[in-house]
Amino acid sequence: MNLPNKLTLLRIILVPVFLVCMYWAFPYHFTAALVIFAIASITDALDGKIARSRNLVTTFGKFADPLADKILVLAAFAAMADISAGGMTETSLHVNGIVVTIIAAREFMVSGLRLVTAEKGVVVAAGIWGKLKTAFTMVTQVVILLCLCLTEFGIPAVNGVTGWFFFALVWISVALTIISGAVYLKGYWKYIDMK
């Protein structure tokens, strides 16, 4: 197994570790979760770059890299939705079942498109909207985790003002998710046989 694939596999393995840190209320557990999430996000940036620069692109990488991204993003938003609903913070993080459902639906739709087009020998490449959506969503999740970390150090970072900031970040992420999904669907609709 080459280095990019090892990094992708590491990202998948880090997801349950991240979730344990989010849910198990040991001292500074949100800080630990942020560190794990940051490491996982860095592997996302590195694996593709290394694979392309060293000509190490593999079928496993093409399959597992986007899967690892989806698992990480959905796990983080699902945990944030639970934490927000469970009252573990002073204010809502504005992540809820609606957000998780929209993001999951988009990911399932794009995965389905990739399966359909693969049968026809067409590869659904990551477009600018998809990359923007992924980058903005991960930044949103890091900001929310960072604010949760600050509360562990006695800094009241989660309050009414930051609550509105979270609201804006989360719903911009949702909007980018919908736009990127629509762009993919429009671009590859011709490969979907309705007959």
N, C-alpha and C. Protein backbone atom coordinates (compact mmCIF):
# COMPACT_ATOMS: atom_id res chain seq x y z
N MET A 1 0.85 -1.19 0.00
CA MET A 1 0.00 0.00 0.00
C MET A 1 0.89 1.25 0.00
N ASN A 2 0.63 2.16 -0.92
CA ASN A 2 1.47 3.35 -1.03
C ASN A 2 1.10 4.40 0.03
N LEU A 3 1.91 5.46 0.12
CA LEU A 3 1.73 6.48 1.15
C LEU A 3 0.38 7.20 1.05
N PRO A 4 -0.06 7.66 -0.14
CA PRO A 4 -1.36 8.33 -0.20
C PRO A 4 -2.50 7.44 0.31
N ASN A 5 -2.47 6.16 -0.04
CA ASN A 5 -3.52 5.26 0.42
C ASN A 5 -3.45 5.04 1.93
N LYS A 6 -2.24 5.03 2.49
CA LYS A 6 -2.09 4.91 3.94
C LYS A 6 -2.68 6.14 4.64
N LEU A 7 -2.46 7.32 4.04
CA LEU A 7 -3.02 8.55 4.62
C LEU A 7 -4.54 8.54 4.56
N THR A 8 -5.09 8.04 3.45
CA THR A 8 -6.54 7.93 3.32
C THR A 8 -7.10 6.97 4.36
N LEU A 9 -6.44 5.84 4.52
CA LEU A 9 -6.86 4.84 5.50
C LEU A 9 -6.76 5.42 6.92
N LEU A 10 -5.71 6.18 7.18
CA LEU A 10 -5.56 6.83 8.49
C LEU A 10 -6.74 7.76 8.76
N ARG A 11 -7.17 8.51 7.74
CA ARG A 11 -8.31 9.42 7.90
C ARG A 11 -9.57 8.66 8.31
N ILE A 12 -9.81 7.52 7.69
CA ILE A 12 -10.97 6.71 8.03
C ILE A 12 -10.86 6.19 9.46
N ILE A 13 -9.67 5.74 9.85
CA ILE A 13 -9.45 5.22 11.21
C ILE A 13 -9.62 6.32 12.27
N LEU A 14 -9.27 7.56 11.91
CA LEU A 14 -9.37 8.67 12.86
C LEU A 14 -10.82 9.08 13.14
N VAL A 15 -11.75 8.72 12.26
CA VAL A 15 -13.15 9.13 12.46
C VAL A 15 -13.72 8.60 13.78
N PRO A 16 -13.63 7.28 14.06
CA PRO A 16 -14.15 6.83 15.36
C PRO A 16 -13.40 7.42 16.55
N VAL A 17 -12.10 7.69 16.39
CA VAL A 17 -11.34 8.33 17.47
C VAL A 17 -11.88 9.73 17.72
N PHE A 18 -12.15 10.46 16.63
CA PHE A 18 -12.75 11.80 16.72
C PHE A 18 -14.09 11.74 17.45
N LEU A 19 -14.92 10.76 17.09
CA LEU A 19 -16.25 10.65 17.71
C LEU A 19 -16.16 10.34 19.20
N VAL A 20 -15.21 9.49 19.57
CA VAL A 20 -15.01 9.20 21.00
C VAL A 20 -14.66 10.48 21.74
N CYS A 21 -13.79 11.29 21.16
CA CYS A 21 -13.40 12.56 21.78
C CYS A 21 -14.58 13.52 21.87
N MET A 22 -15.45 13.53 20.88
CA MET A 22 -16.61 14.42 20.90
C MET A 22 -17.62 14.03 21.98
N TYR A 23 -17.83 12.73 22.17
CA TYR A 23 -18.89 12.27 23.07
C TYR A 23 -18.44 11.95 24.49
N TRP A 24 -17.19 11.52 24.65
CA TRP A 24 -16.72 11.12 25.97
C TRP A 24 -16.19 12.36 26.68
N ALA A 25 -16.89 12.80 27.73
CA ALA A 25 -16.60 14.08 28.36
C ALA A 25 -15.42 14.01 29.33
N PHE A 26 -14.25 13.62 28.84
CA PHE A 26 -13.04 13.69 29.66
C PHE A 26 -12.49 15.12 29.56
N PRO A 27 -11.58 15.51 30.47
CA PRO A 27 -11.07 16.89 30.41
C PRO A 27 -10.47 17.23 29.04
N TYR A 28 -10.90 18.37 28.51
CA TYR A 28 -10.42 18.89 27.22
C TYR A 28 -10.71 17.94 26.05
N HIS A 29 -11.85 17.29 26.13
CA HIS A 29 -12.21 16.35 25.05
C HIS A 29 -12.49 17.05 23.73
N PHE A 30 -13.04 18.27 23.77
CA PHE A 30 -13.25 19.01 22.51
C PHE A 30 -11.91 19.41 21.89
N THR A 31 -10.94 19.74 22.72
CA THR A 31 -9.61 20.08 22.22
C THR A 31 -8.99 18.86 21.53
N ALA A 32 -9.13 17.71 22.16
CA ALA A 32 -8.62 16.47 21.55
C ALA A 32 -9.33 16.20 20.23
N ALA A 33 -10.65 16.43 20.20
CA ALA A 33 -11.42 16.22 18.97
C ALA A 33 -10.94 17.16 17.86
N LEU A 34 -10.64 18.42 18.21
CA LEU A 34 -10.14 19.37 17.21
C LEU A 34 -8.79 18.91 16.66
N VAL A 35 -7.90 18.44 17.51
CA VAL A 35 -6.59 17.97 17.06
C VAL A 35 -6.76 16.78 16.10
N ILE A 36 -7.62 15.84 16.47
CA ILE A 36 -7.86 14.67 15.61
C ILE A 36 -8.46 15.10 14.28
N PHE A 37 -9.44 16.01 14.33
CA PHE A 37 -10.08 16.50 13.10
C PHE A 37 -9.07 17.22 12.22
N ALA A 38 -8.20 18.02 12.84
CA ALA A 38 -7.17 18.75 12.07
C ALA A 38 -6.22 17.78 11.38
N ILE A 39 -5.79 16.75 12.10
CA ILE A 39 -4.89 15.76 11.51
C ILE A 39 -5.58 15.07 10.33
N ALA A 40 -6.85 14.68 10.53
CA ALA A 40 -7.60 14.02 9.46
C ALA A 40 -7.75 14.94 8.25
N SER A 41 -8.01 16.22 8.49
CA SER A 41 -8.16 17.18 7.39
C SER A 41 -6.85 17.38 6.64
N ILE A 42 -5.74 17.38 7.37
CA ILE A 42 -4.42 17.52 6.72
C ILE A 42 -4.14 16.32 5.82
N THR A 43 -4.52 15.12 6.28
CA THR A 43 -4.31 13.94 5.42
C THR A 43 -5.12 14.06 4.14
N ASP A 44 -6.28 14.73 4.22
CA ASP A 44 -7.11 14.93 3.03
C ASP A 44 -6.37 15.79 2.01
N ALA A 45 -5.69 16.81 2.49
CA ALA A 45 -4.94 17.69 1.59
C ALA A 45 -3.71 17.00 1.03
N LEU A 46 -3.08 16.17 1.86
CA LEU A 46 -1.80 15.56 1.46
C LEU A 46 -1.95 14.37 0.52
N ASP A 47 -2.94 13.49 0.78
CA ASP A 47 -2.96 12.23 0.03
C ASP A 47 -3.11 12.44 -1.48
N GLY A 48 -4.03 13.31 -1.87
CA GLY A 48 -4.20 13.57 -3.30
C GLY A 48 -3.01 14.26 -3.93
N LYS A 49 -2.43 15.21 -3.19
CA LYS A 49 -1.27 15.94 -3.71
C LYS A 49 -0.08 15.00 -3.92
N ILE A 50 0.16 14.13 -2.94
CA ILE A 50 1.26 13.17 -3.05
C ILE A 50 1.00 12.18 -4.19
N ALA A 51 -0.25 11.69 -4.27
CA ALA A 51 -0.60 10.70 -5.30
C ALA A 51 -0.37 11.26 -6.70
N ARG A 52 -0.78 12.52 -6.91
CA ARG A 52 -0.62 13.11 -8.24
C ARG A 52 0.83 13.44 -8.55
N SER A 53 1.56 13.98 -7.57
CA SER A 53 2.94 14.40 -7.82
C SER A 53 3.88 13.22 -8.04
N ARG A 54 3.57 12.07 -7.41
CA ARG A 54 4.44 10.90 -7.53
C ARG A 54 3.85 9.81 -8.44
N ASN A 55 2.77 10.18 -9.11
CA ASN A 55 2.10 9.23 -10.01
C ASN A 55 1.72 7.93 -9.27
N LEU A 56 1.08 8.11 -8.10
CA LEU A 56 0.67 6.98 -7.27
C LEU A 56 -0.85 6.85 -7.20
N VAL A 57 -1.53 7.33 -8.22
CA VAL A 57 -3.00 7.26 -8.24
C VAL A 57 -3.42 5.81 -8.43
N THR A 58 -4.29 5.31 -7.55
CA THR A 58 -4.74 3.92 -7.61
C THR A 58 -6.27 3.86 -7.59
N THR A 59 -6.80 2.71 -7.94
CA THR A 59 -8.25 2.51 -7.88
C THR A 59 -8.73 2.64 -6.45
N PHE A 60 -7.96 2.08 -5.50
CA PHE A 60 -8.32 2.20 -4.09
C PHE A 60 -8.41 3.66 -3.69
N GLY A 61 -7.44 4.46 -4.09
CA GLY A 61 -7.43 5.88 -3.76
C GLY A 61 -8.63 6.61 -4.33
N LYS A 62 -8.97 6.31 -5.58
CA LYS A 62 -10.13 6.95 -6.22
C LYS A 62 -11.42 6.61 -5.49
N PHE A 63 -11.48 5.39 -4.95
CA PHE A 63 -12.68 4.96 -4.21
C PHE A 63 -12.67 5.48 -2.78
N ALA A 64 -11.54 5.28 -2.08
CA ALA A 64 -11.50 5.52 -0.63
C ALA A 64 -11.35 6.99 -0.27
N ASP A 65 -10.65 7.79 -1.09
CA ASP A 65 -10.42 9.19 -0.73
C ASP A 65 -11.73 9.98 -0.60
N PRO A 66 -12.61 9.96 -1.62
CA PRO A 66 -13.86 10.70 -1.44
C PRO A 66 -14.74 10.09 -0.35
N LEU A 67 -14.67 8.76 -0.18
CA LEU A 67 -15.45 8.11 0.88
C LEU A 67 -14.98 8.59 2.25
N ALA A 68 -13.67 8.67 2.44
CA ALA A 68 -13.12 9.13 3.72
C ALA A 68 -13.56 10.56 4.01
N ASP A 69 -13.56 11.42 2.99
CA ASP A 69 -14.02 12.81 3.17
C ASP A 69 -15.46 12.85 3.63
N LYS A 70 -16.31 12.07 2.97
CA LYS A 70 -17.74 12.06 3.30
C LYS A 70 -17.97 11.57 4.72
N ILE A 71 -17.27 10.50 5.10
CA ILE A 71 -17.43 9.94 6.44
C ILE A 71 -17.01 10.97 7.50
N LEU A 72 -15.88 11.64 7.27
CA LEU A 72 -15.38 12.62 8.24
C LEU A 72 -16.34 13.79 8.39
N VAL A 73 -16.77 14.37 7.29
CA VAL A 73 -17.66 15.54 7.33
C VAL A 73 -19.00 15.18 7.96
N LEU A 74 -19.58 14.05 7.55
CA LEU A 74 -20.89 13.66 8.10
C LEU A 74 -20.79 13.29 9.57
N ALA A 75 -19.71 12.63 9.96
CA ALA A 75 -19.53 12.27 11.38
C ALA A 75 -19.43 13.53 12.23
N ALA A 76 -18.67 14.52 11.75
CA ALA A 76 -18.50 15.76 12.51
C ALA A 76 -19.83 16.50 12.65
N PHE A 77 -20.58 16.63 11.55
CA PHE A 77 -21.86 17.33 11.63
C PHE A 77 -22.88 16.57 12.47
N ALA A 78 -22.89 15.23 12.38
CA ALA A 78 -23.81 14.43 13.19
C ALA A 78 -23.50 14.61 14.68
N ALA A 79 -22.22 14.59 15.04
CA ALA A 79 -21.84 14.79 16.43
C ALA A 79 -22.20 16.19 16.91
N MET A 80 -21.97 17.19 16.06
CA MET A 80 -22.32 18.57 16.43
C MET A 80 -23.82 18.73 16.60
N ALA A 81 -24.61 18.04 15.77
CA ALA A 81 -26.07 18.09 15.91
C ALA A 81 -26.49 17.49 17.24
N ASP A 82 -25.89 16.37 17.63
CA ASP A 82 -26.20 15.75 18.92
C ASP A 82 -25.83 16.65 20.08
N ILE A 83 -24.64 17.24 20.00
CA ILE A 83 -24.16 18.11 21.07
C ILE A 83 -25.05 19.34 21.21
N SER A 84 -25.45 19.89 20.07
CA SER A 84 -26.31 21.07 20.07
C SER A 84 -27.68 20.73 20.66
N ALA A 85 -28.25 19.60 20.25
CA ALA A 85 -29.57 19.20 20.74
C ALA A 85 -29.52 18.76 22.20
N GLY A 86 -28.38 18.21 22.62
CA GLY A 86 -28.25 17.69 23.98
C GLY A 86 -27.92 18.74 25.02
N GLY A 87 -27.77 19.97 24.60
CA GLY A 87 -27.52 21.05 25.56
C GLY A 87 -26.12 21.04 26.15
N MET A 88 -25.15 20.48 25.44
CA MET A 88 -23.77 20.44 25.95
C MET A 88 -23.05 21.77 25.77
N THR A 89 -23.69 22.73 25.12
CA THR A 89 -23.11 24.07 24.97
C THR A 89 -24.14 25.09 25.42
N GLU A 90 -23.69 26.34 25.61
CA GLU A 90 -24.59 27.38 26.08
C GLU A 90 -25.57 27.85 25.00
N THR A 91 -25.26 27.59 23.77
CA THR A 91 -26.14 28.00 22.67
C THR A 91 -26.13 26.93 21.59
N SER A 92 -27.09 27.02 20.70
CA SER A 92 -27.15 26.06 19.60
C SER A 92 -25.97 26.27 18.66
N LEU A 93 -25.45 25.14 18.14
CA LEU A 93 -24.39 25.22 17.14
C LEU A 93 -24.99 25.36 15.74
N HIS A 94 -26.33 25.35 15.66
CA HIS A 94 -27.06 25.47 14.41
C HIS A 94 -26.79 24.33 13.44
N VAL A 95 -26.39 23.20 13.99
CA VAL A 95 -26.26 21.99 13.20
C VAL A 95 -27.35 21.05 13.68
N ASN A 96 -28.20 20.63 12.76
CA ASN A 96 -29.32 19.78 13.15
C ASN A 96 -29.57 18.70 12.10
N GLY A 97 -30.64 17.96 12.29
CA GLY A 97 -30.96 16.87 11.36
C GLY A 97 -31.18 17.33 9.94
N ILE A 98 -31.69 18.54 9.75
CA ILE A 98 -31.92 19.08 8.40
C ILE A 98 -30.57 19.24 7.69
N VAL A 99 -29.60 19.82 8.39
CA VAL A 99 -28.27 20.04 7.82
C VAL A 99 -27.64 18.70 7.45
N VAL A 100 -27.67 17.75 8.38
CA VAL A 100 -27.06 16.44 8.14
C VAL A 100 -27.73 15.74 6.97
N THR A 101 -29.07 15.82 6.89
CA THR A 101 -29.82 15.15 5.82
C THR A 101 -29.48 15.74 4.46
N ILE A 102 -29.43 17.07 4.36
CA ILE A 102 -29.12 17.71 3.07
C ILE A 102 -27.72 17.32 2.61
N ILE A 103 -26.76 17.36 3.52
CA ILE A 103 -25.38 17.03 3.16
C ILE A 103 -25.26 15.56 2.78
N ALA A 104 -25.91 14.68 3.57
CA ALA A 104 -25.86 13.24 3.26
C ALA A 104 -26.52 12.95 1.92
N ALA A 105 -27.66 13.60 1.64
CA ALA A 105 -28.38 13.38 0.37
C ALA A 105 -27.50 13.78 -0.81
N ARG A 106 -26.82 14.89 -0.69
CA ARG A 106 -25.92 15.34 -1.77
C ARG A 106 -24.80 14.32 -2.00
N GLU A 107 -24.23 13.83 -0.90
CA GLU A 107 -23.13 12.88 -1.02
C GLU A 107 -23.60 11.57 -1.65
N PHE A 108 -24.78 11.08 -1.26
CA PHE A 108 -25.33 9.87 -1.86
C PHE A 108 -25.60 10.08 -3.35
N MET A 109 -26.12 11.26 -3.69
CA MET A 109 -26.44 11.57 -5.09
C MET A 109 -25.18 11.58 -5.96
N VAL A 110 -24.12 12.23 -5.47
CA VAL A 110 -22.87 12.29 -6.24
C VAL A 110 -22.26 10.90 -6.35
N SER A 111 -22.31 10.12 -5.28
CA SER A 111 -21.79 8.75 -5.33
C SER A 111 -22.57 7.92 -6.34
N GLY A 112 -23.89 8.10 -6.36
CA GLY A 112 -24.72 7.39 -7.34
C GLY A 112 -24.37 7.79 -8.77
N LEU A 113 -24.15 9.09 -8.98
CA LEU A 113 -23.75 9.57 -10.31
C LEU A 113 -22.43 8.93 -10.74
N ARG A 114 -21.50 8.82 -9.79
CA ARG A 114 -20.20 8.22 -10.12
C ARG A 114 -20.37 6.76 -10.54
N LEU A 115 -21.27 6.05 -9.87
CA LEU A 115 -21.53 4.65 -10.23
C LEU A 115 -22.13 4.54 -11.63
N VAL A 116 -23.12 5.39 -11.90
CA VAL A 116 -23.80 5.37 -13.20
C VAL A 116 -22.84 5.71 -14.33
N THR A 117 -22.06 6.77 -14.14
CA THR A 117 -21.16 7.20 -15.21
C THR A 117 -19.97 6.25 -15.38
N ALA A 118 -19.56 5.58 -14.29
CA ALA A 118 -18.46 4.62 -14.39
C ALA A 118 -18.80 3.48 -15.33
N GLU A 119 -20.08 3.08 -15.33
CA GLU A 119 -20.53 2.02 -16.25
C GLU A 119 -20.36 2.44 -17.70
N LYS A 120 -20.38 3.74 -17.94
CA LYS A 120 -20.26 4.26 -19.30
C LYS A 120 -18.83 4.74 -19.58
N GLY A 121 -17.91 4.44 -18.66
CA GLY A 121 -16.51 4.80 -18.86
C GLY A 121 -16.20 6.26 -18.63
N VAL A 122 -17.10 6.97 -17.91
CA VAL A 122 -16.91 8.40 -17.64
C VAL A 122 -16.58 8.58 -16.16
N VAL A 123 -15.55 9.36 -15.87
CA VAL A 123 -15.16 9.64 -14.50
C VAL A 123 -15.72 10.99 -14.08
N VAL A 124 -16.43 11.03 -12.95
CA VAL A 124 -16.94 12.28 -12.42
C VAL A 124 -15.82 12.92 -11.60
N ALA A 125 -15.17 13.89 -12.19
CA ALA A 125 -14.04 14.55 -11.51
C ALA A 125 -14.57 15.59 -10.54
N ALA A 126 -13.77 15.84 -9.50
CA ALA A 126 -14.14 16.87 -8.53
C ALA A 126 -14.03 18.23 -9.21
N GLY A 127 -15.14 18.96 -9.20
CA GLY A 127 -15.17 20.29 -9.81
C GLY A 127 -14.87 21.37 -8.79
N ILE A 128 -14.82 22.60 -9.26
CA ILE A 128 -14.49 23.73 -8.39
C ILE A 128 -15.54 23.90 -7.29
N TRP A 129 -16.83 23.69 -7.62
CA TRP A 129 -17.88 23.83 -6.62
C TRP A 129 -17.76 22.76 -5.54
N GLY A 130 -17.43 21.55 -5.95
CA GLY A 130 -17.25 20.47 -4.98
C GLY A 130 -16.07 20.73 -4.06
N LYS A 131 -14.97 21.23 -4.64
CA LYS A 131 -13.79 21.54 -3.82
C LYS A 131 -14.08 22.70 -2.87
N LEU A 132 -14.79 23.70 -3.37
CA LEU A 132 -15.15 24.85 -2.53
C LEU A 132 -16.06 24.41 -1.39
N LYS A 133 -17.02 23.55 -1.71
CA LYS A 133 -17.94 23.03 -0.68
C LYS A 133 -17.17 22.28 0.40
N THR A 134 -16.27 21.40 -0.02
CA THR A 134 -15.50 20.60 0.95
C THR A 134 -14.63 21.50 1.82
N ALA A 135 -13.91 22.42 1.20
CA ALA A 135 -13.01 23.31 1.95
C ALA A 135 -13.79 24.17 2.94
N PHE A 136 -14.90 24.78 2.48
CA PHE A 136 -15.67 25.67 3.35
C PHE A 136 -16.30 24.89 4.49
N THR A 137 -16.80 23.68 4.19
CA THR A 137 -17.42 22.87 5.23
C THR A 137 -16.41 22.48 6.30
N MET A 138 -15.21 22.09 5.88
CA MET A 138 -14.18 21.72 6.86
C MET A 138 -13.74 22.92 7.69
N VAL A 139 -13.64 24.09 7.07
CA VAL A 139 -13.31 25.31 7.81
C VAL A 139 -14.41 25.60 8.83
N THR A 140 -15.67 25.47 8.42
CA THR A 140 -16.80 25.68 9.33
C THR A 140 -16.69 24.75 10.53
N GLN A 141 -16.40 23.49 10.28
CA GLN A 141 -16.31 22.53 11.37
C GLN A 141 -15.13 22.83 12.29
N VAL A 142 -14.01 23.27 11.73
CA VAL A 142 -12.85 23.64 12.56
C VAL A 142 -13.18 24.84 13.43
N VAL A 143 -13.87 25.84 12.88
CA VAL A 143 -14.24 27.04 13.65
C VAL A 143 -15.15 26.66 14.81
N ILE A 144 -16.14 25.81 14.56
CA ILE A 144 -17.05 25.39 15.63
C ILE A 144 -16.28 24.61 16.69
N LEU A 145 -15.42 23.69 16.27
CA LEU A 145 -14.63 22.92 17.23
C LEU A 145 -13.69 23.84 18.03
N LEU A 146 -13.12 24.83 17.37
CA LEU A 146 -12.22 25.76 18.05
C LEU A 146 -12.97 26.53 19.14
N CYS A 147 -14.18 26.97 18.83
CA CYS A 147 -14.98 27.69 19.83
C CYS A 147 -15.35 26.78 20.99
N LEU A 148 -15.66 25.51 20.69
CA LEU A 148 -15.94 24.55 21.77
C LEU A 148 -14.70 24.35 22.64
N CYS A 149 -13.52 24.34 22.01
CA CYS A 149 -12.26 24.19 22.75
C CYS A 149 -12.04 25.37 23.70
N LEU A 150 -12.33 26.57 23.22
CA LEU A 150 -12.10 27.76 24.05
C LEU A 150 -12.92 27.71 25.33
N THR A 151 -14.13 27.15 25.25
CA THR A 151 -14.95 27.04 26.46
C THR A 151 -14.30 26.12 27.49
N GLU A 152 -13.52 25.15 27.02
CA GLU A 152 -12.83 24.25 27.95
C GLU A 152 -11.70 24.96 28.70
N PHE A 153 -11.25 26.07 28.15
CA PHE A 153 -10.19 26.85 28.79
C PHE A 153 -10.77 28.07 29.53
N GLY A 154 -12.08 28.06 29.75
CA GLY A 154 -12.74 29.13 30.50
C GLY A 154 -13.01 30.38 29.70
N ILE A 155 -12.87 30.30 28.38
CA ILE A 155 -13.15 31.46 27.52
C ILE A 155 -14.54 31.27 26.92
N PRO A 156 -15.49 32.14 27.27
CA PRO A 156 -16.88 31.95 26.79
C PRO A 156 -17.03 32.29 25.31
N ALA A 157 -16.54 31.38 24.46
CA ALA A 157 -16.56 31.64 23.02
C ALA A 157 -17.89 31.26 22.38
N VAL A 158 -18.66 30.41 23.04
CA VAL A 158 -19.95 30.01 22.49
C VAL A 158 -21.03 30.83 23.18
N ASN A 159 -21.55 31.84 22.47
CA ASN A 159 -22.58 32.72 23.04
C ASN A 159 -23.52 33.15 21.92
N GLY A 160 -24.34 34.13 22.19
CA GLY A 160 -25.30 34.58 21.19
C GLY A 160 -24.67 35.06 19.91
N VAL A 161 -23.57 35.81 20.02
CA VAL A 161 -22.90 36.35 18.84
C VAL A 161 -22.30 35.22 18.00
N THR A 162 -21.54 34.35 18.66
CA THR A 162 -20.93 33.25 17.91
C THR A 162 -22.00 32.29 17.40
N GLY A 163 -23.13 32.23 18.12
CA GLY A 163 -24.24 31.40 17.64
C GLY A 163 -24.71 31.84 16.27
N TRP A 164 -24.83 33.15 16.06
CA TRP A 164 -25.22 33.68 14.75
C TRP A 164 -24.14 33.45 13.71
N PHE A 165 -22.88 33.54 14.15
CA PHE A 165 -21.76 33.27 13.26
C PHE A 165 -21.80 31.81 12.81
N PHE A 166 -22.05 30.89 13.76
CA PHE A 166 -22.19 29.47 13.42
C PHE A 166 -23.33 29.29 12.42
N PHE A 167 -24.45 29.98 12.68
CA PHE A 167 -25.62 29.88 11.79
C PHE A 167 -25.23 30.24 10.36
N ALA A 168 -24.49 31.34 10.21
CA ALA A 168 -24.07 31.78 8.87
C ALA A 168 -23.14 30.75 8.23
N LEU A 169 -22.14 30.30 8.98
CA LEU A 169 -21.19 29.33 8.43
C LEU A 169 -21.87 28.03 8.01
N VAL A 170 -22.72 27.52 8.89
CA VAL A 170 -23.38 26.24 8.62
C VAL A 170 -24.28 26.34 7.39
N TRP A 171 -25.05 27.41 7.29
CA TRP A 171 -25.99 27.50 6.18
C TRP A 171 -25.33 27.92 4.88
N ILE A 172 -24.18 28.58 4.94
CA ILE A 172 -23.39 28.79 3.72
C ILE A 172 -22.86 27.44 3.24
N SER A 173 -22.41 26.60 4.19
CA SER A 173 -21.96 25.25 3.83
C SER A 173 -23.08 24.45 3.17
N VAL A 174 -24.29 24.58 3.73
CA VAL A 174 -25.45 23.87 3.15
C VAL A 174 -25.74 24.40 1.75
N ALA A 175 -25.69 25.73 1.59
CA ALA A 175 -25.95 26.32 0.27
C ALA A 175 -24.92 25.84 -0.76
N LEU A 176 -23.65 25.81 -0.37
CA LEU A 176 -22.61 25.32 -1.28
C LEU A 176 -22.80 23.84 -1.59
N THR A 177 -23.28 23.09 -0.61
CA THR A 177 -23.58 21.67 -0.82
C THR A 177 -24.65 21.50 -1.88
N ILE A 178 -25.72 22.29 -1.77
CA ILE A 178 -26.83 22.21 -2.74
C ILE A 178 -26.36 22.65 -4.12
N ILE A 179 -25.63 23.77 -4.18
CA ILE A 179 -25.16 24.28 -5.47
C ILE A 179 -24.24 23.27 -6.15
N SER A 180 -23.27 22.73 -5.39
CA SER A 180 -22.32 21.79 -5.99
C SER A 180 -23.04 20.52 -6.44
N GLY A 181 -24.03 20.07 -5.67
CA GLY A 181 -24.81 18.90 -6.07
C GLY A 181 -25.57 19.16 -7.35
N ALA A 182 -26.17 20.35 -7.45
CA ALA A 182 -26.93 20.71 -8.66
C ALA A 182 -26.02 20.80 -9.87
N VAL A 183 -24.81 21.33 -9.68
CA VAL A 183 -23.85 21.43 -10.78
C VAL A 183 -23.46 20.04 -11.28
N TYR A 184 -23.18 19.13 -10.35
CA TYR A 184 -22.86 17.75 -10.73
C TYR A 184 -24.02 17.11 -11.48
N LEU A 185 -25.22 17.28 -10.94
CA LEU A 185 -26.40 16.65 -11.54
C LEU A 185 -26.64 17.19 -12.95
N LYS A 186 -26.52 18.51 -13.12
CA LYS A 186 -26.71 19.12 -14.44
C LYS A 186 -25.65 18.63 -15.42
N GLY A 187 -24.40 18.54 -14.96
CA GLY A 187 -23.32 18.15 -15.85
C GLY A 187 -23.37 16.70 -16.29
N TYR A 188 -23.96 15.84 -15.47
CA TYR A 188 -23.93 14.40 -15.78
C TYR A 188 -25.32 13.80 -15.96
N TRP A 189 -26.34 14.65 -16.02
CA TRP A 189 -27.71 14.17 -16.18
C TRP A 189 -27.90 13.34 -17.45
N LYS A 190 -27.17 13.69 -18.50
CA LYS A 190 -27.32 13.00 -19.79
C LYS A 190 -26.96 11.52 -19.71
N TYR A 191 -26.22 11.14 -18.67
CA TYR A 191 -25.84 9.73 -18.52
C TYR A 191 -26.88 8.91 -17.75
N ILE A 192 -27.92 9.58 -17.26
CA ILE A 192 -28.97 8.88 -16.52
C ILE A 192 -30.08 8.49 -17.49
N ASP A 193 -30.26 7.21 -17.65
CA ASP A 193 -31.27 6.69 -18.57
C ASP A 193 -32.61 6.60 -17.87
N MET A 194 -33.58 7.39 -18.33
CA MET A 194 -34.92 7.42 -17.72
C MET A 194 -35.89 6.47 -18.39
N LYS A 195 -35.47 5.79 -19.45
CA LYS A 195 -36.40 4.95 -20.21
C LYS A 195 -36.53 3.58 -19.57
